[in-house]
């Protein structure tokens, strides 16, 4: 934009930065005199660009016609349209390939991220599962100990109660037996005294 306003030619290094090395080399190769004679750091001249000295593109039919010496009127406008159309087609193809590569790259990256996240998730799940197993084991062990202690206490209480019942019953049976023996001895004694 600056050079258009000031009607000056850009320097070689400016062209190289703006257009890239291949296109700059192409411009210098096709002989724009002010550009091709200029070196890096030269001061630009105040002249208007004349365009390329050679024809940049020729269709195969034109090349063949020149060899056959046939004169067909050149349709400069048609050539430009074909050239621009080809550039557009090439650009669309490059853009499509770029989008395909980008899409493949993004899919690959997404797959890598998914696999990494899944691996981390699996590791974390296994860690949580192991911790849960340990916690459940400890909880059930504690619960079983509590149940066992409770059952043991109930068993001891039952045994103690049963022991008291059996001792009381044995004592009662003993008293009854003693009473029966005592009565029988008294009878024997009384019958012996009477006889």
Foldseek 3Di string as FASTA:
>chain_A
DVCVVQQWDDALVVCCVVVNDVVSVVQLVQPQPQHVVGDPPDDIDNHHGPDGPDDPDDDPVVVVCVVVVHDDDDDPVVVVVVVVVVVVVVVVVVVVVVVVVVVVVVVVVVVVVVVVVVVVVVVVVVVVVVVVVVVVVVVVVVVVVVVVVVVVVVVVVVVVVVVVVVVVVVVVVVVVVVVVVVVVVVVVVVVVVVD
